[in-house]
PDB file of N, CA and C in Angstrom:
ATOM      1  N   MET A   1       3.523 -19.550   5.333  1.00  0.00           N
ATOM      2  CA  MET A   1       1.908 -19.676   5.675  1.00  0.00           C
ATOM      3  C   MET A   1       1.498 -21.005   6.526  1.00  0.00           C
ATOM      4  N   GLY A   2       2.781 -21.408   7.004  1.00  0.00           N
ATOM      5  CA  GLY A   2       2.329 -22.675   8.239  1.00  0.00           C
ATOM      6  C   GLY A   2       1.974 -23.843   7.828  1.00  0.00           C
ATOM      7  N   ILE A   3       1.813 -24.111   6.195  1.00  0.00           N
ATOM      8  CA  ILE A   3       1.681 -25.022   5.604  1.00  0.00           C
ATOM      9  C   ILE A   3       2.912 -26.115   4.924  1.00  0.00           C
ATOM     10  N   THR A   4       3.169 -27.004   5.429  1.00  0.00           N
ATOM     11  CA  THR A   4       4.364 -27.486   5.473  1.00  0.00           C
ATOM     12  C   THR A   4       4.156 -28.744   3.740  1.00  0.00           C
ATOM     13  N   CYS A   5       4.858 -28.226   2.839  1.00  0.00           N
ATOM     14  CA  CYS A   5       4.553 -29.599   2.047  1.00  0.00           C
ATOM     15  C   CYS A   5       6.127 -30.073   0.859  1.00  0.00           C
ATOM     16  N   GLU A   6       5.865 -31.013   0.306  1.00  0.00           N
ATOM     17  CA  GLU A   6       7.053 -32.107  -0.394  1.00  0.00           C
ATOM     18  C   GLU A   6       7.416 -30.946  -1.682  1.00  0.00           C
ATOM     19  N   VAL A   7       8.276 -30.796  -1.966  1.00  0.00           N
ATOM     20  CA  VAL A   7       8.735 -29.962  -3.177  1.00  0.00           C
ATOM     21  C   VAL A   7       9.680 -30.655  -4.227  1.00  0.00           C
ATOM     22  N   ARG A   8       9.170 -31.126  -5.113  1.00  0.00           N
ATOM     23  CA  ARG A   8      10.106 -31.758  -6.197  1.00  0.00           C
ATOM     24  C   ARG A   8      10.745 -31.079  -7.467  1.00  0.00           C
ATOM     25  N   ALA A   9      11.200 -30.320  -6.931  1.00  0.00           N
ATOM     26  CA  ALA A   9      11.932 -29.548  -7.622  1.00  0.00           C
ATOM     27  C   ALA A   9      13.131 -28.943  -7.525  1.00  0.00           C
ATOM     28  N   ARG A  10      14.046 -28.713  -8.324  1.00  0.00           N
ATOM     29  CA  ARG A  10      15.245 -27.910  -7.856  1.00  0.00           C
ATOM     30  C   ARG A  10      15.222 -26.516  -8.126  1.00  0.00           C
ATOM     31  N   ILE A  11      15.229 -25.746  -6.867  1.00  0.00           N
ATOM     32  CA  ILE A  11      15.271 -24.658  -6.400  1.00  0.00           C
ATOM     33  C   ILE A  11      16.474 -23.685  -6.646  1.00  0.00           C
ATOM     34  N   GLU A  12      16.535 -22.943  -6.973  1.00  0.00           N
ATOM     35  CA  GLU A  12      17.657 -22.298  -7.352  1.00  0.00           C
ATOM     36  C   GLU A  12      17.294 -20.514  -7.501  1.00  0.00           C
ATOM     37  N   SER A  13      18.811 -20.023  -6.564  1.00  0.00           N
ATOM     38  CA  SER A  13      17.921 -18.657  -6.337  1.00  0.00           C
ATOM     39  C   SER A  13      19.121 -17.914  -7.614  1.00  0.00           C
ATOM     40  N   LEU A  14      18.879 -16.659  -8.334  1.00  0.00           N
ATOM     41  CA  LEU A  14      19.575 -15.945  -9.097  1.00  0.00           C
ATOM     42  C   LEU A  14      19.615 -14.337  -8.577  1.00  0.00           C
ATOM     43  N   ASP A  15      20.689 -14.592  -7.725  1.00  0.00           N
ATOM     44  CA  ASP A  15      20.756 -12.985  -7.186  1.00  0.00           C
ATOM     45  C   ASP A  15      21.512 -11.635  -7.967  1.00  0.00           C
ATOM     46  N   ALA A  16      21.977 -12.259  -9.441  1.00  0.00           N
ATOM     47  CA  ALA A  16      22.134 -11.243 -10.121  1.00  0.00           C
ATOM     48  C   ALA A  16      21.260 -10.800 -11.194  1.00  0.00           C
ATOM     49  N   PHE A  17      19.403 -11.185 -10.888  1.00  0.00           N
ATOM     50  CA  PHE A  17      18.534 -10.684 -11.704  1.00  0.00           C
ATOM     51  C   PHE A  17      17.466 -10.317 -11.137  1.00  0.00           C
ATOM     52  N   SER A  18      16.663  -9.250 -11.240  1.00  0.00           N
ATOM     53  CA  SER A  18      15.749  -8.732 -10.240  1.00  0.00           C
ATOM     54  C   SER A  18      14.361  -8.387 -11.107  1.00  0.00           C
ATOM     55  N   ALA A  19      13.527  -8.737 -10.237  1.00  0.00           N
ATOM     56  CA  ALA A  19      12.325  -9.216 -11.030  1.00  0.00           C
ATOM     57  C   ALA A  19      11.826  -8.163 -11.270  1.00  0.00           C
ATOM     58  N   HIS A  20      12.410  -6.317 -11.690  1.00  0.00           N
ATOM     59  CA  HIS A  20      11.931  -5.347 -12.074  1.00  0.00           C
ATOM     60  C   HIS A  20      13.110  -5.103 -12.536  1.00  0.00           C
ATOM     61  N   ALA A  21      13.776  -5.650 -13.640  1.00  0.00           N
ATOM     62  CA  ALA A  21      14.437  -5.087 -14.133  1.00  0.00           C
ATOM     63  C   ALA A  21      13.994  -4.406 -15.312  1.00  0.00           C
ATOM     64  N   GLY A  22      14.667  -3.709 -15.790  1.00  0.00           N
ATOM     65  CA  GLY A  22      14.333  -2.820 -16.977  1.00  0.00           C
ATOM     66  C   GLY A  22      14.921  -3.623 -18.886  1.00  0.00           C
ATOM     67  N   GLN A  23      13.556  -2.845 -19.802  1.00  0.00           N
ATOM     68  CA  GLN A  23      14.400  -3.756 -20.848  1.00  0.00           C
ATOM     69  C   GLN A  23      15.586  -4.006 -21.363  1.00  0.00           C
ATOM     70  N   SER A  24      16.182  -2.953 -20.845  1.00  0.00           N
ATOM     71  CA  SER A  24      17.592  -3.130 -21.442  1.00  0.00           C
ATOM     72  C   SER A  24      18.448  -3.981 -21.064  1.00  0.00           C
ATOM     73  N   GLU A  25      18.283  -4.374 -19.251  1.00  0.00           N
ATOM     74  CA  GLU A  25      18.413  -5.302 -18.220  1.00  0.00           C
ATOM     75  C   GLU A  25      18.562  -6.612 -18.829  1.00  0.00           C
ATOM     76  N   ILE A  26      17.124  -6.799 -19.831  1.00  0.00           N
ATOM     77  CA  ILE A  26      16.541  -8.283 -19.468  1.00  0.00           C
ATOM     78  C   ILE A  26      17.072  -8.776 -20.699  1.00  0.00           C
ATOM     79  N   MET A  27      17.157  -7.759 -22.037  1.00  0.00           N
ATOM     80  CA  MET A  27      17.982  -7.965 -23.206  1.00  0.00           C
ATOM     81  C   MET A  27      19.558  -8.051 -23.414  1.00  0.00           C
ATOM     82  N   ASN A  28      19.963  -7.445 -22.324  1.00  0.00           N
ATOM     83  CA  ASN A  28      21.095  -8.329 -21.857  1.00  0.00           C
ATOM     84  C   ASN A  28      21.236  -9.178 -21.494  1.00  0.00           C
ATOM     85  N   TRP A  29      20.634  -9.409 -20.432  1.00  0.00           N
ATOM     86  CA  TRP A  29      20.823 -11.047 -19.609  1.00  0.00           C
ATOM     87  C   TRP A  29      19.875 -11.921 -21.035  1.00  0.00           C
ATOM     88  N   LEU A  30      19.220 -11.784 -21.523  1.00  0.00           N
ATOM     89  CA  LEU A  30      18.821 -12.734 -22.891  1.00  0.00           C
ATOM     90  C   LEU A  30      19.842 -13.042 -24.147  1.00  0.00           C
ATOM     91  N   ARG A  31      20.611 -12.112 -24.221  1.00  0.00           N
ATOM     92  CA  ARG A  31      22.159 -11.894 -24.698  1.00  0.00           C
ATOM     93  C   ARG A  31      23.322 -13.087 -24.756  1.00  0.00           C
ATOM     94  N   ALA A  32      22.875 -12.701 -23.509  1.00  0.00           N
ATOM     95  CA  ALA A  32      24.248 -13.700 -22.593  1.00  0.00           C
ATOM     96  C   ALA A  32      23.906 -15.622 -22.646  1.00  0.00           C
ATOM     97  N   PHE A  33      22.805 -16.065 -23.164  1.00  0.00           N
ATOM     98  CA  PHE A  33      22.719 -17.176 -23.385  1.00  0.00           C
ATOM     99  C   PHE A  33      23.538 -17.424 -24.207  1.00  0.00           C
ATOM    100  N   LYS A  34      24.060 -18.899 -24.197  1.00  0.00           N
ATOM    101  CA  LYS A  34      24.830 -19.944 -25.375  1.00  0.00           C
ATOM    102  C   LYS A  34      23.911 -20.300 -25.564  1.00  0.00           C
ATOM    103  N   LYS A  35      23.140 -21.190 -25.654  1.00  0.00           N
ATOM    104  CA  LYS A  35      21.436 -21.963 -26.218  1.00  0.00           C
ATOM    105  C   LYS A  35      20.381 -21.168 -25.820  1.00  0.00           C
ATOM    106  N   PHE A  36      19.778 -20.402 -27.176  1.00  0.00           N
ATOM    107  CA  PHE A  36      18.709 -19.647 -26.631  1.00  0.00           C
ATOM    108  C   PHE A  36      17.849 -20.367 -26.775  1.00  0.00           C
ATOM    109  N   PRO A  37      16.725 -19.693 -25.525  1.00  0.00           N
ATOM    110  CA  PRO A  37      15.532 -20.848 -25.824  1.00  0.00           C
ATOM    111  C   PRO A  37      14.381 -20.811 -26.606  1.00  0.00           C
ATOM    112  N   SER A  38      13.868 -22.045 -26.951  1.00  0.00           N
ATOM    113  CA  SER A  38      12.941 -21.592 -28.084  1.00  0.00           C
ATOM    114  C   SER A  38      11.572 -21.010 -28.016  1.00  0.00           C
ATOM    115  N   GLN A  39      11.453 -20.358 -26.937  1.00  0.00           N
ATOM    116  CA  GLN A  39       9.934 -19.630 -26.476  1.00  0.00           C
ATOM    117  C   GLN A  39      10.287 -19.381 -24.857  1.00  0.00           C
ATOM    118  N   ILE A  40       9.947 -17.812 -25.144  1.00  0.00           N
ATOM    119  CA  ILE A  40      10.031 -17.166 -23.618  1.00  0.00           C
ATOM    120  C   ILE A  40       8.626 -16.841 -23.313  1.00  0.00           C
ATOM    121  N   PHE A  41       8.078 -16.581 -21.749  1.00  0.00           N
ATOM    122  CA  PHE A  41       7.205 -16.450 -21.500  1.00  0.00           C
ATOM    123  C   PHE A  41       7.066 -15.171 -20.413  1.00  0.00           C
ATOM    124  N   LEU A  42       6.133 -14.002 -20.698  1.00  0.00           N
ATOM    125  CA  LEU A  42       6.460 -12.478 -20.364  1.00  0.00           C
ATOM    126  C   LEU A  42       5.401 -12.911 -19.259  1.00  0.00           C
ATOM    127  N   ASN A  43       5.206 -12.943 -17.852  1.00  0.00           N
ATOM    128  CA  ASN A  43       4.190 -12.575 -17.189  1.00  0.00           C
ATOM    129  C   ASN A  43       4.392 -11.966 -15.729  1.00  0.00           C
ATOM    130  N   HIS A  44       5.147 -10.729 -16.312  1.00  0.00           N
ATOM    131  CA  HIS A  44       4.875  -9.807 -15.200  1.00  0.00           C
ATOM    132  C   HIS A  44       5.427  -8.466 -15.694  1.00  0.00           C
ATOM    133  N   GLY A  45       3.896  -7.455 -15.925  1.00  0.00           N
ATOM    134  CA  GLY A  45       4.258  -5.918 -16.330  1.00  0.00           C
ATOM    135  C   GLY A  45       3.194  -5.476 -16.950  1.00  0.00           C
ATOM    136  N   GLU A  46       2.742  -4.305 -17.114  1.00  0.00           N
ATOM    137  CA  GLU A  46       2.154  -3.592 -17.490  1.00  0.00           C
ATOM    138  C   GLU A  46       1.780  -4.008 -19.278  1.00  0.00           C
ATOM    139  N   PRO A  47       0.536  -4.073 -19.515  1.00  0.00           N
ATOM    140  CA  PRO A  47       0.417  -4.796 -20.592  1.00  0.00           C
ATOM    141  C   PRO A  47       0.730  -3.819 -21.886  1.00  0.00           C
ATOM    142  N   ILE A  48       0.785  -2.716 -21.663  1.00  0.00           N
ATOM    143  CA  ILE A  48       2.025  -2.311 -22.935  1.00  0.00           C
ATOM    144  C   ILE A  48       3.096  -2.501 -23.118  1.00  0.00           C
ATOM    145  N   ALA A  49       3.825  -2.208 -21.731  1.00  0.00           N
ATOM    146  CA  ALA A  49       5.234  -2.520 -21.331  1.00  0.00           C
ATOM    147  C   ALA A  49       5.643  -3.814 -22.168  1.00  0.00           C
ATOM    148  N   VAL A  50       5.107  -5.028 -21.306  1.00  0.00           N
ATOM    149  CA  VAL A  50       5.441  -5.893 -21.913  1.00  0.00           C
ATOM    150  C   VAL A  50       5.563  -6.395 -23.319  1.00  0.00           C
ATOM    151  N   GLU A  51       3.989  -6.295 -23.614  1.00  0.00           N
ATOM    152  CA  GLU A  51       3.981  -6.337 -25.871  1.00  0.00           C
ATOM    153  C   GLU A  51       5.277  -5.379 -26.091  1.00  0.00           C
ATOM    154  N   ALA A  52       5.402  -4.655 -25.556  1.00  0.00           N
ATOM    155  CA  ALA A  52       7.103  -3.844 -26.359  1.00  0.00           C
ATOM    156  C   ALA A  52       7.701  -4.633 -25.842  1.00  0.00           C
ATOM    157  N   LEU A  53       8.564  -5.447 -24.837  1.00  0.00           N
ATOM    158  CA  LEU A  53       9.388  -6.012 -25.039  1.00  0.00           C
ATOM    159  C   LEU A  53       9.221  -6.922 -26.091  1.00  0.00           C
ATOM    160  N   ALA A  54       8.015  -7.890 -25.718  1.00  0.00           N
ATOM    161  CA  ALA A  54       7.436  -8.721 -26.769  1.00  0.00           C
ATOM    162  C   ALA A  54       8.456  -8.961 -28.278  1.00  0.00           C
ATOM    163  N   GLN A  55       7.913  -7.481 -28.838  1.00  0.00           N
ATOM    164  CA  GLN A  55       8.348  -6.875 -30.269  1.00  0.00           C
ATOM    165  C   GLN A  55       9.823  -7.151 -30.119  1.00  0.00           C
ATOM    166  N   VAL A  56      10.250  -6.213 -29.195  1.00  0.00           N
ATOM    167  CA  VAL A  56      11.891  -5.834 -29.359  1.00  0.00           C
ATOM    168  C   VAL A  56      12.547  -7.456 -29.088  1.00  0.00           C
ATOM    169  N   ILE A  57      12.281  -8.145 -28.281  1.00  0.00           N
ATOM    170  CA  ILE A  57      13.126  -9.762 -28.004  1.00  0.00           C
ATOM    171  C   ILE A  57      12.685 -10.604 -29.519  1.00  0.00           C
ATOM    172  N   ARG A  58      11.219 -10.210 -30.222  1.00  0.00           N
ATOM    173  CA  ARG A  58      11.070 -10.986 -31.135  1.00  0.00           C
ATOM    174  C   ARG A  58      11.840 -10.634 -32.241  1.00  0.00           C
ATOM    175  N   ASN A  59      12.020  -9.082 -32.580  1.00  0.00           N
ATOM    176  CA  ASN A  59      12.581  -8.821 -33.704  1.00  0.00           C
ATOM    177  C   ASN A  59      13.881  -9.014 -33.595  1.00  0.00           C
ATOM    178  N   GLU A  60      14.726  -8.892 -32.060  1.00  0.00           N
ATOM    179  CA  GLU A  60      16.541  -9.386 -32.327  1.00  0.00           C
ATOM    180  C   GLU A  60      16.330 -11.062 -32.373  1.00  0.00           C
ATOM    181  N   PHE A  61      15.682 -11.891 -31.932  1.00  0.00           N
ATOM    182  CA  PHE A  61      15.883 -13.005 -31.679  1.00  0.00           C
ATOM    183  C   PHE A  61      15.339 -13.807 -32.412  1.00  0.00           C
ATOM    184  N   GLY A  62      13.711 -13.473 -32.807  1.00  0.00           N
ATOM    185  CA  GLY A  62      13.129 -14.505 -33.725  1.00  0.00           C
ATOM    186  C   GLY A  62      12.474 -15.129 -32.923  1.00  0.00           C
ATOM    187  N   THR A  63      12.713 -15.349 -31.472  1.00  0.00           N
ATOM    188  CA  THR A  63      11.605 -16.725 -30.754  1.00  0.00           C
ATOM    189  C   THR A  63      10.539 -16.201 -30.702  1.00  0.00           C
ATOM    190  N   LYS A  64       9.633 -17.382 -30.206  1.00  0.00           N
ATOM    191  CA  LYS A  64       8.407 -17.173 -29.840  1.00  0.00           C
ATOM    192  C   LYS A  64       8.352 -16.617 -28.380  1.00  0.00           C
ATOM    193  N   VAL A  65       7.488 -15.805 -28.395  1.00  0.00           N
ATOM    194  CA  VAL A  65       7.366 -14.714 -27.276  1.00  0.00           C
ATOM    195  C   VAL A  65       6.133 -15.133 -26.823  1.00  0.00           C
ATOM    196  N   ILE A  66       5.520 -15.319 -25.424  1.00  0.00           N
ATOM    197  CA  ILE A  66       4.055 -15.533 -25.202  1.00  0.00           C
ATOM    198  C   ILE A  66       3.900 -15.109 -24.025  1.00  0.00           C
ATOM    199  N   ILE A  67       2.462 -14.110 -23.750  1.00  0.00           N
ATOM    200  CA  ILE A  67       2.648 -12.885 -22.824  1.00  0.00           C
ATOM    201  C   ILE A  67       1.368 -13.810 -21.902  1.00  0.00           C
ATOM    202  N   PRO A  68       1.129 -15.274 -21.258  1.00  0.00           N
ATOM    203  CA  PRO A  68       0.197 -15.666 -21.180  1.00  0.00           C
ATOM    204  C   PRO A  68      -0.734 -14.988 -20.499  1.00  0.00           C
ATOM    205  N   LYS A  69      -2.096 -15.035 -20.317  1.00  0.00           N
ATOM    206  CA  LYS A  69      -3.271 -14.387 -19.692  1.00  0.00           C
ATOM    207  C   LYS A  69      -3.797 -14.754 -18.357  1.00  0.00           C
ATOM    208  N   ILE A  70      -4.604 -14.770 -17.890  1.00  0.00           N
ATOM    209  CA  ILE A  70      -4.986 -15.227 -16.644  1.00  0.00           C
ATOM    210  C   ILE A  70      -5.563 -16.329 -16.815  1.00  0.00           C
ATOM    211  N   LYS A  71      -5.099 -17.812 -15.865  1.00  0.00           N
ATOM    212  CA  LYS A  71      -5.910 -18.681 -16.347  1.00  0.00           C
ATOM    213  C   LYS A  71      -5.568 -19.585 -17.319  1.00  0.00           C
ATOM    214  N   GLU A  72      -4.958 -19.136 -18.197  1.00  0.00           N
ATOM    215  CA  GLU A  72      -4.180 -20.151 -19.319  1.00  0.00           C
ATOM    216  C   GLU A  72      -3.376 -20.829 -18.858  1.00  0.00           C
ATOM    217  N   SER A  73      -3.148 -22.369 -19.118  1.00  0.00           N
ATOM    218  CA  SER A  73      -2.096 -22.923 -18.944  1.00  0.00           C
ATOM    219  C   SER A  73      -1.325 -23.456 -20.499  1.00  0.00           C
ATOM    220  N   TYR A  74      -0.506 -24.071 -20.481  1.00  0.00           N
ATOM    221  CA  TYR A  74       0.939 -24.254 -21.097  1.00  0.00           C
ATOM    222  C   TYR A  74       1.105 -25.747 -20.926  1.00  0.00           C
ATOM    223  N   GLN A  75       1.948 -26.466 -21.573  1.00  0.00           N
ATOM    224  CA  GLN A  75       2.178 -27.862 -21.774  1.00  0.00           C
ATOM    225  C   GLN A  75       3.715 -27.264 -22.098  1.00  0.00           C
ATOM    226  N   LEU A  76       4.596 -27.819 -20.998  1.00  0.00           N
ATOM    227  CA  LEU A  76       6.587 -27.543 -21.155  1.00  0.00           C
ATOM    228  C   LEU A  76       6.773 -28.901 -21.356  1.00  0.00           C
ATOM    229  N   THR A  77       7.241 -29.244 -22.518  1.00  0.00           N
ATOM    230  CA  THR A  77       8.173 -30.306 -23.312  1.00  0.00           C
ATOM    231  C   THR A  77       9.491 -30.110 -22.936  1.00  0.00           C
TER     232      THR A  77
END
């Protein structure tokens, strides 16, 4: 957009993961973690589908799943 800004982050590309993966692809991706995350944020998708995916993740992994609302913020530690 014509603006130069300093980036203080490591940027990585996930060539094997699509932002439009279905539930089964996402679950397979999550099953591959050697150290499973303590919480998961779902921030993309239709509300009913996202809630359904969150419940499937909770049931299988017993982890905290957060579906952020617009303008909510979270402190990551």
